[in-house]
Amino acid sequence: MKSITLLLNTTESVKSFVNTISRFDYDMDLRCGRYVVDAKSILGIFSLDLNRPVVLEVHSDECDDLIESIKKYISDAE
């Protein structure tokens, strides 16, 4: 499993992010504090506090193609 910190602070970025990751077969979750939602669920993502970074947990070790496609959302914050 890989964990990547993301910043999804606009409605447009959430829609674009979900459209991008939906093309991949990996199981993915988004975590914000103690809340975890399916990363491919727009409604689930909007239930999180998007004013701070969220953590994408990819349930695969071979996901370099996914990481390359979402690099514009990757945050330096930990």
PDB file of N, CA and C in Angstrom:
ATOM      1  N   MET A   1       0.848  -1.182   0.000  1.00  0.00           N
ATOM      2  CA  MET A   1       0.000   0.000   0.000  1.00  0.00           C
ATOM      3  C   MET A   1       0.890   1.241   0.000  1.00  0.00           C
ATOM      4  N   LYS A   2       0.490   2.231  -0.757  1.00  0.00           N
ATOM      5  CA  LYS A   2       1.205   3.508  -0.799  1.00  0.00           C
ATOM      6  C   LYS A   2       0.280   4.598  -0.288  1.00  0.00           C
ATOM      7  N   SER A   3       0.857   5.562   0.420  1.00  0.00           N
ATOM      8  CA  SER A   3       0.111   6.717   0.923  1.00  0.00           C
ATOM      9  C   SER A   3       0.691   7.976   0.321  1.00  0.00           C
ATOM     10  N   ILE A   4      -0.189   8.841  -0.193  1.00  0.00           N
ATOM     11  CA  ILE A   4       0.222  10.068  -0.867  1.00  0.00           C
ATOM     12  C   ILE A   4      -0.622  11.209  -0.314  1.00  0.00           C
ATOM     13  N   THR A   5       0.014  12.287   0.091  1.00  0.00           N
ATOM     14  CA  THR A   5      -0.700  13.446   0.610  1.00  0.00           C
ATOM     15  C   THR A   5      -1.128  14.343  -0.557  1.00  0.00           C
ATOM     16  N   LEU A   6      -2.419  14.676  -0.580  1.00  0.00           N
ATOM     17  CA  LEU A   6      -2.998  15.460  -1.669  1.00  0.00           C
ATOM     18  C   LEU A   6      -3.672  16.715  -1.138  1.00  0.00           C
ATOM     19  N   LEU A   7      -3.815  17.687  -2.022  1.00  0.00           N
ATOM     20  CA  LEU A   7      -4.578  18.888  -1.709  1.00  0.00           C
ATOM     21  C   LEU A   7      -5.692  19.014  -2.747  1.00  0.00           C
ATOM     22  N   LEU A   8      -6.920  18.844  -2.296  1.00  0.00           N
ATOM     23  CA  LEU A   8      -8.109  18.917  -3.161  1.00  0.00           C
ATOM     24  C   LEU A   8      -9.030  19.993  -2.607  1.00  0.00           C
ATOM     25  N   ASN A   9      -8.659  21.246  -2.791  1.00  0.00           N
ATOM     26  CA  ASN A   9      -9.375  22.320  -2.109  1.00  0.00           C
ATOM     27  C   ASN A   9     -10.393  23.074  -2.957  1.00  0.00           C
ATOM     28  N   THR A  10     -10.678  22.591  -4.175  1.00  0.00           N
ATOM     29  CA  THR A  10     -11.724  23.224  -4.986  1.00  0.00           C
ATOM     30  C   THR A  10     -12.661  22.156  -5.536  1.00  0.00           C
ATOM     31  N   THR A  11     -13.867  22.568  -5.857  1.00  0.00           N
ATOM     32  CA  THR A  11     -14.833  21.649  -6.441  1.00  0.00           C
ATOM     33  C   THR A  11     -14.312  21.086  -7.758  1.00  0.00           C
ATOM     34  N   GLU A  12     -13.735  21.930  -8.553  1.00  0.00           N
ATOM     35  CA  GLU A  12     -13.204  21.501  -9.858  1.00  0.00           C
ATOM     36  C   GLU A  12     -12.072  20.496  -9.695  1.00  0.00           C
ATOM     37  N   SER A  13     -11.202  20.698  -8.713  1.00  0.00           N
ATOM     38  CA  SER A  13     -10.101  19.749  -8.522  1.00  0.00           C
ATOM     39  C   SER A  13     -10.625  18.391  -8.059  1.00  0.00           C
ATOM     40  N   VAL A  14     -11.673  18.366  -7.249  1.00  0.00           N
ATOM     41  CA  VAL A  14     -12.254  17.095  -6.804  1.00  0.00           C
ATOM     42  C   VAL A  14     -12.851  16.352  -8.000  1.00  0.00           C
ATOM     43  N   LYS A  15     -13.614  17.046  -8.837  1.00  0.00           N
ATOM     44  CA  LYS A  15     -14.216  16.399 -10.007  1.00  0.00           C
ATOM     45  C   LYS A  15     -13.152  15.866 -10.958  1.00  0.00           C
ATOM     46  N   SER A  16     -12.140  16.650 -11.213  1.00  0.00           N
ATOM     47  CA  SER A  16     -11.063  16.225 -12.095  1.00  0.00           C
ATOM     48  C   SER A  16     -10.291  15.050 -11.508  1.00  0.00           C
ATOM     49  N   PHE A  17     -10.026  15.089 -10.204  1.00  0.00           N
ATOM     50  CA  PHE A  17      -9.320  14.010  -9.517  1.00  0.00           C
ATOM     51  C   PHE A  17     -10.091  12.698  -9.634  1.00  0.00           C
ATOM     52  N   VAL A  18     -11.391  12.729  -9.357  1.00  0.00           N
ATOM     53  CA  VAL A  18     -12.203  11.513  -9.422  1.00  0.00           C
ATOM     54  C   VAL A  18     -12.257  10.969 -10.846  1.00  0.00           C
ATOM     55  N   ASN A  19     -12.393  11.848 -11.836  1.00  0.00           N
ATOM     56  CA  ASN A  19     -12.384  11.401 -13.232  1.00  0.00           C
ATOM     57  C   ASN A  19     -11.066  10.734 -13.590  1.00  0.00           C
ATOM     58  N   THR A  20      -9.967  11.258 -13.077  1.00  0.00           N
ATOM     59  CA  THR A  20      -8.644  10.696 -13.366  1.00  0.00           C
ATOM     60  C   THR A  20      -8.461   9.340 -12.709  1.00  0.00           C
ATOM     61  N   ILE A  21      -8.737   9.231 -11.422  1.00  0.00           N
ATOM     62  CA  ILE A  21      -8.461   7.965 -10.732  1.00  0.00           C
ATOM     63  C   ILE A  21      -9.469   6.873 -11.059  1.00  0.00           C
ATOM     64  N   SER A  22     -10.631   7.231 -11.577  1.00  0.00           N
ATOM     65  CA  SER A  22     -11.627   6.216 -11.918  1.00  0.00           C
ATOM     66  C   SER A  22     -11.175   5.325 -13.067  1.00  0.00           C
ATOM     67  N   ARG A  23     -10.178   5.757 -13.797  1.00  0.00           N
ATOM     68  CA  ARG A  23      -9.640   4.952 -14.906  1.00  0.00           C
ATOM     69  C   ARG A  23      -8.765   3.805 -14.421  1.00  0.00           C
ATOM     70  N   PHE A  24      -8.403   3.804 -13.145  1.00  0.00           N
ATOM     71  CA  PHE A  24      -7.501   2.785 -12.602  1.00  0.00           C
ATOM     72  C   PHE A  24      -8.290   1.764 -11.786  1.00  0.00           C
ATOM     73  N   ASP A  25      -7.848   0.513 -11.829  1.00  0.00           N
ATOM     74  CA  ASP A  25      -8.555  -0.571 -11.136  1.00  0.00           C
ATOM     75  C   ASP A  25      -8.159  -0.728  -9.674  1.00  0.00           C
ATOM     76  N   TYR A  26      -7.214   0.054  -9.202  1.00  0.00           N
ATOM     77  CA  TYR A  26      -6.769  -0.088  -7.810  1.00  0.00           C
ATOM     78  C   TYR A  26      -7.885   0.306  -6.856  1.00  0.00           C
ATOM     79  N   ASP A  27      -7.907  -0.349  -5.689  1.00  0.00           N
ATOM     80  CA  ASP A  27      -8.765   0.122  -4.604  1.00  0.00           C
ATOM     81  C   ASP A  27      -8.051   1.282  -3.940  1.00  0.00           C
ATOM     82  N   MET A  28      -8.768   2.380  -3.704  1.00  0.00           N
ATOM     83  CA  MET A  28      -8.174   3.582  -3.129  1.00  0.00           C
ATOM     84  C   MET A  28      -9.115   4.195  -2.110  1.00  0.00           C
ATOM     85  N   ASP A  29      -8.534   4.705  -1.030  1.00  0.00           N
ATOM     86  CA  ASP A  29      -9.295   5.409  -0.003  1.00  0.00           C
ATOM     87  C   ASP A  29      -8.671   6.778   0.211  1.00  0.00           C
ATOM     88  N   LEU A  30      -9.486   7.719   0.668  1.00  0.00           N
ATOM     89  CA  LEU A  30      -8.988   9.026   1.096  1.00  0.00           C
ATOM     90  C   LEU A  30      -9.206   9.115   2.597  1.00  0.00           C
ATOM     91  N   ARG A  31      -8.167   9.556   3.299  1.00  0.00           N
ATOM     92  CA  ARG A  31      -8.232   9.678   4.751  1.00  0.00           C
ATOM     93  C   ARG A  31      -7.982  11.121   5.153  1.00  0.00           C
ATOM     94  N   CYS A  32      -8.826  11.602   6.041  1.00  0.00           N
ATOM     95  CA  CYS A  32      -8.666  12.940   6.608  1.00  0.00           C
ATOM     96  C   CYS A  32      -8.979  12.810   8.089  1.00  0.00           C
ATOM     97  N   GLY A  33      -7.926  12.822   8.909  1.00  0.00           N
ATOM     98  CA  GLY A  33      -8.118  12.593  10.335  1.00  0.00           C
ATOM     99  C   GLY A  33      -8.595  11.173  10.569  1.00  0.00           C
ATOM    100  N   ARG A  34      -9.709  11.027  11.239  1.00  0.00           N
ATOM    101  CA  ARG A  34     -10.229   9.687  11.520  1.00  0.00           C
ATOM    102  C   ARG A  34     -11.258   9.220  10.496  1.00  0.00           C
ATOM    103  N   TYR A  35     -11.539  10.034   9.498  1.00  0.00           N
ATOM    104  CA  TYR A  35     -12.534   9.699   8.488  1.00  0.00           C
ATOM    105  C   TYR A  35     -11.871   9.094   7.256  1.00  0.00           C
ATOM    106  N   VAL A  36     -12.461   8.021   6.741  1.00  0.00           N
ATOM    107  CA  VAL A  36     -11.957   7.350   5.542  1.00  0.00           C
ATOM    108  C   VAL A  36     -13.122   7.160   4.584  1.00  0.00           C
ATOM    109  N   VAL A  37     -12.919   7.559   3.308  1.00  0.00           N
ATOM    110  CA  VAL A  37     -13.956   7.393   2.288  1.00  0.00           C
ATOM    111  C   VAL A  37     -13.332   6.770   1.040  1.00  0.00           C
ATOM    112  N   ASP A  38     -14.187   6.210   0.206  1.00  0.00           N
ATOM    113  CA  ASP A  38     -13.756   5.679  -1.082  1.00  0.00           C
ATOM    114  C   ASP A  38     -13.273   6.848  -1.938  1.00  0.00           C
ATOM    115  N   ALA A  39     -12.055   6.754  -2.452  1.00  0.00           N
ATOM    116  CA  ALA A  39     -11.467   7.861  -3.210  1.00  0.00           C
ATOM    117  C   ALA A  39     -12.176   8.110  -4.535  1.00  0.00           C
ATOM    118  N   LYS A  40     -12.952   7.150  -5.011  1.00  0.00           N
ATOM    119  CA  LYS A  40     -13.657   7.312  -6.281  1.00  0.00           C
ATOM    120  C   LYS A  40     -15.070   7.852  -6.095  1.00  0.00           C
ATOM    121  N   SER A  41     -15.432   8.205  -4.875  1.00  0.00           N
ATOM    122  CA  SER A  41     -16.762   8.713  -4.558  1.00  0.00           C
ATOM    123  C   SER A  41     -16.730  10.230  -4.368  1.00  0.00           C
ATOM    124  N   ILE A  42     -17.348  10.940  -5.282  1.00  0.00           N
ATOM    125  CA  ILE A  42     -17.385  12.408  -5.184  1.00  0.00           C
ATOM    126  C   ILE A  42     -18.099  12.833  -3.901  1.00  0.00           C
ATOM    127  N   LEU A  43     -19.230  12.211  -3.604  1.00  0.00           N
ATOM    128  CA  LEU A  43     -19.962  12.574  -2.384  1.00  0.00           C
ATOM    129  C   LEU A  43     -19.144  12.280  -1.144  1.00  0.00           C
ATOM    130  N   GLY A  44     -18.438  11.162  -1.139  1.00  0.00           N
ATOM    131  CA  GLY A  44     -17.587  10.832  -0.005  1.00  0.00           C
ATOM    132  C   GLY A  44     -16.493  11.861   0.202  1.00  0.00           C
ATOM    133  N   ILE A  45     -15.874  12.287  -0.884  1.00  0.00           N
ATOM    134  CA  ILE A  45     -14.792  13.279  -0.795  1.00  0.00           C
ATOM    135  C   ILE A  45     -15.323  14.604  -0.255  1.00  0.00           C
ATOM    136  N   PHE A  46     -16.504  15.016  -0.721  1.00  0.00           N
ATOM    137  CA  PHE A  46     -17.053  16.281  -0.244  1.00  0.00           C
ATOM    138  C   PHE A  46     -17.474  16.220   1.220  1.00  0.00           C
ATOM    139  N   SER A  47     -17.543  15.041   1.808  1.00  0.00           N
ATOM    140  CA  SER A  47     -17.864  14.947   3.228  1.00  0.00           C
ATOM    141  C   SER A  47     -16.624  15.181   4.102  1.00  0.00           C
ATOM    142  N   LEU A  48     -15.449  15.257   3.476  1.00  0.00           N
ATOM    143  CA  LEU A  48     -14.205  15.485   4.218  1.00  0.00           C
ATOM    144  C   LEU A  48     -13.916  16.975   4.351  1.00  0.00           C
ATOM    145  N   ASP A  49     -13.034  17.326   5.269  1.00  0.00           N
ATOM    146  CA  ASP A  49     -12.566  18.709   5.427  1.00  0.00           C
ATOM    147  C   ASP A  49     -11.499  18.952   4.366  1.00  0.00           C
ATOM    148  N   LEU A  50     -11.875  19.617   3.284  1.00  0.00           N
ATOM    149  CA  LEU A  50     -10.953  19.810   2.161  1.00  0.00           C
ATOM    150  C   LEU A  50     -10.110  21.072   2.294  1.00  0.00           C
ATOM    151  N   ASN A  51     -10.206  21.745   3.436  1.00  0.00           N
ATOM    152  CA  ASN A  51      -9.352  22.910   3.673  1.00  0.00           C
ATOM    153  C   ASN A  51      -7.955  22.506   4.109  1.00  0.00           C
ATOM    154  N   ARG A  52      -7.766  21.223   4.354  1.00  0.00           N
ATOM    155  CA  ARG A  52      -6.441  20.725   4.732  1.00  0.00           C
ATOM    156  C   ARG A  52      -6.122  19.507   3.871  1.00  0.00           C
ATOM    157  N   PRO A  53      -4.867  19.124   3.798  1.00  0.00           N
ATOM    158  CA  PRO A  53      -4.494  17.983   2.951  1.00  0.00           C
ATOM    159  C   PRO A  53      -5.168  16.687   3.391  1.00  0.00           C
ATOM    160  N   VAL A  54      -5.407  15.818   2.414  1.00  0.00           N
ATOM    161  CA  VAL A  54      -5.958  14.488   2.667  1.00  0.00           C
ATOM    162  C   VAL A  54      -4.929  13.459   2.202  1.00  0.00           C
ATOM    163  N   VAL A  55      -5.049  12.245   2.699  1.00  0.00           N
ATOM    164  CA  VAL A  55      -4.088  11.202   2.346  1.00  0.00           C
ATOM    165  C   VAL A  55      -4.778  10.165   1.465  1.00  0.00           C
ATOM    166  N   LEU A  56      -4.227   9.952   0.278  1.00  0.00           N
ATOM    167  CA  LEU A  56      -4.710   8.913  -0.621  1.00  0.00           C
ATOM    168  C   LEU A  56      -3.967   7.630  -0.286  1.00  0.00           C
ATOM    169  N   GLU A  57      -4.717   6.588   0.023  1.00  0.00           N
ATOM    170  CA  GLU A  57      -4.130   5.282   0.307  1.00  0.00           C
ATOM    171  C   GLU A  57      -4.467   4.359  -0.858  1.00  0.00           C
ATOM    172  N   VAL A  58      -3.433   3.981  -1.603  1.00  0.00           N
ATOM    173  CA  VAL A  58      -3.597   3.120  -2.767  1.00  0.00           C
ATOM    174  C   VAL A  58      -3.269   1.697  -2.332  1.00  0.00           C
ATOM    175  N   HIS A  59      -4.178   0.784  -2.549  1.00  0.00           N
ATOM    176  CA  HIS A  59      -3.998  -0.596  -2.110  1.00  0.00           C
ATOM    177  C   HIS A  59      -3.306  -1.419  -3.200  1.00  0.00           C
ATOM    178  N   SER A  60      -2.127  -0.930  -3.601  1.00  0.00           N
ATOM    179  CA  SER A  60      -1.288  -1.604  -4.588  1.00  0.00           C
ATOM    180  C   SER A  60       0.110  -1.017  -4.463  1.00  0.00           C
ATOM    181  N   ASP A  61       1.113  -1.822  -4.741  1.00  0.00           N
ATOM    182  CA  ASP A  61       2.487  -1.314  -4.708  1.00  0.00           C
ATOM    183  C   ASP A  61       2.966  -0.869  -6.078  1.00  0.00           C
ATOM    184  N   GLU A  62       2.302  -1.327  -7.126  1.00  0.00           N
ATOM    185  CA  GLU A  62       2.679  -0.978  -8.492  1.00  0.00           C
ATOM    186  C   GLU A  62       1.696   0.052  -9.034  1.00  0.00           C
ATOM    187  N   CYS A  63       1.883   1.309  -8.658  1.00  0.00           N
ATOM    188  CA  CYS A  63       0.926   2.334  -9.074  1.00  0.00           C
ATOM    189  C   CYS A  63       1.628   3.597  -9.585  1.00  0.00           C
ATOM    190  N   ASP A  64       2.793   3.424 -10.196  1.00  0.00           N
ATOM    191  CA  ASP A  64       3.533   4.580 -10.696  1.00  0.00           C
ATOM    192  C   ASP A  64       2.752   5.353 -11.752  1.00  0.00           C
ATOM    193  N   ASP A  65       1.973   4.651 -12.580  1.00  0.00           N
ATOM    194  CA  ASP A  65       1.170   5.327 -13.597  1.00  0.00           C
ATOM    195  C   ASP A  65       0.092   6.199 -12.959  1.00  0.00           C
ATOM    196  N   LEU A  66      -0.492   5.720 -11.886  1.00  0.00           N
ATOM    197  CA  LEU A  66      -1.481   6.517 -11.152  1.00  0.00           C
ATOM    198  C   LEU A  66      -0.836   7.765 -10.560  1.00  0.00           C
ATOM    199  N   ILE A  67       0.290   7.590  -9.900  1.00  0.00           N
ATOM    200  CA  ILE A  67       0.980   8.720  -9.260  1.00  0.00           C
ATOM    201  C   ILE A  67       1.351   9.779 -10.294  1.00  0.00           C
ATOM    202  N   GLU A  68       1.793   9.346 -11.455  1.00  0.00           N
ATOM    203  CA  GLU A  68       2.144  10.292 -12.519  1.00  0.00           C
ATOM    204  C   GLU A  68       0.911  11.082 -12.974  1.00  0.00           C
ATOM    205  N   SER A  69      -0.242  10.432 -13.038  1.00  0.00           N
ATOM    206  CA  SER A  69      -1.447  11.102 -13.521  1.00  0.00           C
ATOM    207  C   SER A  69      -2.060  12.067 -12.503  1.00  0.00           C
ATOM    208  N   ILE A  70      -1.708  11.928 -11.220  1.00  0.00           N
ATOM    209  CA  ILE A  70      -2.294  12.815 -10.189  1.00  0.00           C
ATOM    210  C   ILE A  70      -1.250  13.738  -9.560  1.00  0.00           C
ATOM    211  N   LYS A  71      -0.086  13.864 -10.167  1.00  0.00           N
ATOM    212  CA  LYS A  71       0.980  14.642  -9.515  1.00  0.00           C
ATOM    213  C   LYS A  71       0.615  16.105  -9.304  1.00  0.00           C
ATOM    214  N   LYS A  72      -0.328  16.661 -10.056  1.00  0.00           N
ATOM    215  CA  LYS A  72      -0.694  18.064  -9.830  1.00  0.00           C
ATOM    216  C   LYS A  72      -1.471  18.258  -8.531  1.00  0.00           C
ATOM    217  N   TYR A  73      -1.985  17.164  -7.947  1.00  0.00           N
ATOM    218  CA  TYR A  73      -2.712  17.252  -6.683  1.00  0.00           C
ATOM    219  C   TYR A  73      -1.845  16.920  -5.476  1.00  0.00           C
ATOM    220  N   ILE A  74      -0.637  16.432  -5.704  1.00  0.00           N
ATOM    221  CA  ILE A  74       0.223  16.012  -4.606  1.00  0.00           C
ATOM    222  C   ILE A  74       0.720  17.231  -3.841  1.00  0.00           C
ATOM    223  N   SER A  75       0.598  17.149  -2.516  1.00  0.00           N
ATOM    224  CA  SER A  75       0.967  18.247  -1.628  1.00  0.00           C
ATOM    225  C   SER A  75       2.291  17.952  -0.953  1.00  0.00           C
ATOM    226  N   ASP A  76       3.042  18.987  -0.651  1.00  0.00           N
ATOM    227  CA  ASP A  76       4.293  18.839   0.097  1.00  0.00           C
ATOM    228  C   ASP A  76       4.025  18.741   1.586  1.00  0.00           C
ATOM    229  N   ALA A  77       2.847  19.123   2.026  1.00  0.00           N
ATOM    230  CA  ALA A  77       2.510  19.109   3.458  1.00  0.00           C
ATOM    231  C   ALA A  77       2.374  17.684   3.952  1.00  0.00           C
ATOM    232  N   GLU A  78       2.762  17.458   5.169  1.00  0.00           N
ATOM    233  CA  GLU A  78       2.631  16.128   5.780  1.00  0.00           C
ATOM    234  C   GLU A  78       1.634  16.158   6.893  1.00  0.00           C
TER     235      GLU A  78
END
